[in-house]
Amino acid sequence: MRKLLIILSIIFTVIGVVFTILPMGNIALFPTSIAIVLSVFAVIFSKNNNKKLPKWILVLSTVTFLAVIGKDVFIKDQVAVDQQFIEKKEESKQDAQKELEGLDELQ
């Protein structure tokens, strides 16, 4: 039972770390919270001399959980307005209208 809990908590911690790195919003909270719960159970089911790995997994998953929350609170996603692109788009639109007017004059 202990090994299964450790393996599952490692898997969910890795998934949580990957989701934290990728710009996926708060989706990383779900696998990270599962990893925390599983690692707590792994620590509980471990004997006194075998608690080192579950504790490290618990620490890593907790840090990942806090990183997701910190990323959501402190980093704001904003879309920047690209003024040069808008100007080029307007210029190309005006050029296309001039070309169409030139084609109308040929007929």
Protein backbone atom coordinates (compact mmCIF):
# COMPACT_ATOMS: atom_id res chain seq x y z
CA MET A 1 0.00 0.00 0.00
CA ARG A 2 2.85 2.36 0.88
CA LYS A 3 4.61 1.82 -2.45
CA LEU A 4 1.40 2.42 -4.39
CA LEU A 5 0.79 5.68 -2.52
CA ILE A 6 4.36 6.82 -3.15
CA ILE A 7 4.20 5.99 -6.87
CA LEU A 8 0.83 7.73 -7.29
CA SER A 9 1.98 10.79 -5.38
CA ILE A 10 5.13 11.01 -7.55
CA ILE A 11 3.02 10.78 -10.71
CA PHE A 12 0.59 13.46 -9.56
CA THR A 13 3.44 15.69 -8.38
CA VAL A 14 5.13 15.47 -11.79
CA ILE A 15 1.83 16.24 -13.53
CA GLY A 16 1.33 19.19 -11.19
CA VAL A 17 4.84 20.52 -11.90
CA VAL A 18 4.27 20.23 -15.65
CA PHE A 19 0.91 22.00 -15.42
CA THR A 20 2.50 24.70 -13.28
CA ILE A 21 5.20 25.38 -15.85
CA LEU A 22 2.75 25.40 -18.75
CA PRO A 23 0.32 28.34 -18.95
CA MET A 24 -2.74 26.32 -17.98
CA GLY A 25 -4.10 28.48 -15.18
CA ASN A 26 -5.39 26.79 -12.05
CA ILE A 27 -5.62 23.30 -13.54
CA ALA A 28 -2.40 22.39 -11.70
CA LEU A 29 -4.17 22.69 -8.35
CA PHE A 30 -6.08 19.46 -8.89
CA PRO A 31 -3.18 16.99 -9.40
CA THR A 32 -1.03 18.84 -6.86
CA SER A 33 -3.68 18.61 -4.14
CA ILE A 34 -4.12 14.91 -4.89
CA ALA A 35 -0.35 14.46 -4.58
CA ILE A 36 -0.37 16.22 -1.20
CA VAL A 37 -3.13 13.96 0.13
CA LEU A 38 -1.46 10.80 -1.18
CA SER A 39 1.94 11.77 0.21
CA VAL A 40 0.40 12.49 3.62
CA PHE A 41 -1.11 9.00 3.60
CA ALA A 42 2.25 7.58 2.50
CA VAL A 43 3.94 9.28 5.46
CA ILE A 44 1.28 7.91 7.81
CA PHE A 45 1.61 4.34 6.46
CA SER A 46 5.42 4.41 6.49
CA LYS A 47 7.45 3.05 9.32
CA ASN A 48 9.73 5.37 11.26
CA ASN A 49 12.89 4.64 9.26
CA ASN A 50 11.20 4.77 5.81
CA LYS A 51 9.59 8.22 5.95
CA LYS A 52 12.28 10.10 4.02
CA LEU A 53 10.92 9.75 0.44
CA PRO A 54 7.26 10.45 1.31
CA LYS A 55 8.33 13.55 3.22
CA TRP A 56 10.31 14.84 0.23
CA ILE A 57 7.35 14.21 -2.06
CA LEU A 58 5.11 16.03 0.40
CA VAL A 59 7.48 19.01 0.47
CA LEU A 60 7.77 19.10 -3.34
CA SER A 61 4.02 18.86 -3.89
CA THR A 62 3.38 21.55 -1.27
CA VAL A 63 5.91 23.88 -2.92
CA THR A 64 4.26 23.22 -6.28
CA PHE A 65 0.84 23.96 -4.78
CA LEU A 66 2.12 27.25 -3.35
CA ALA A 67 3.78 28.10 -6.68
CA VAL A 68 0.46 27.65 -8.51
CA ILE A 69 -1.32 29.89 -6.03
CA GLY A 70 1.49 32.47 -6.15
CA LYS A 71 1.50 32.40 -9.93
CA ASP A 72 -2.23 33.05 -9.97
CA VAL A 73 -2.09 35.86 -7.41
CA PHE A 74 1.05 37.74 -8.42
CA ILE A 75 1.32 37.26 -12.18
CA LYS A 76 -1.36 38.91 -14.28
CA ASP A 77 -1.73 37.87 -17.90
CA GLN A 78 -2.23 40.89 -20.10
CA VAL A 79 -2.53 41.15 -23.83
CA ALA A 80 -0.33 43.88 -25.25
CA VAL A 81 -1.65 46.02 -28.08
CA ASP A 82 0.64 45.88 -31.11
CA GLN A 83 0.28 49.36 -32.57
CA GLN A 84 2.63 48.68 -35.51
CA PHE A 85 0.56 45.70 -36.60
CA ILE A 86 -2.64 47.74 -36.48
CA GLU A 87 -1.03 50.51 -38.58
CA LYS A 88 0.27 48.01 -41.17
CA LYS A 89 -3.17 46.42 -41.33
CA GLU A 90 -4.81 49.80 -42.02
CA GLU A 91 -2.18 50.64 -44.65
CA SER A 92 -2.69 47.34 -46.42
CA LYS A 93 -6.45 47.85 -46.33
CA GLN A 94 -6.06 51.29 -47.90
CA ASP A 95 -3.69 49.89 -50.54
CA ALA A 96 -6.17 47.16 -51.39
CA GLN A 97 -8.96 49.74 -51.78
CA LYS A 98 -6.75 51.82 -54.11
CA GLU A 99 -6.00 48.75 -56.23
CA LEU A 100 -9.69 47.91 -56.47
CA GLU A 101 -10.50 51.48 -57.49
CA GLY A 102 -7.79 51.21 -60.14
CA LEU A 103 -9.39 48.04 -61.48
CA ASP A 104 -12.79 49.73 -61.65
CA GLU A 105 -11.29 52.55 -63.75
CA LEU A 106 -9.92 50.03 -66.28
CA GLN A 107 -13.39 48.74 -67.10
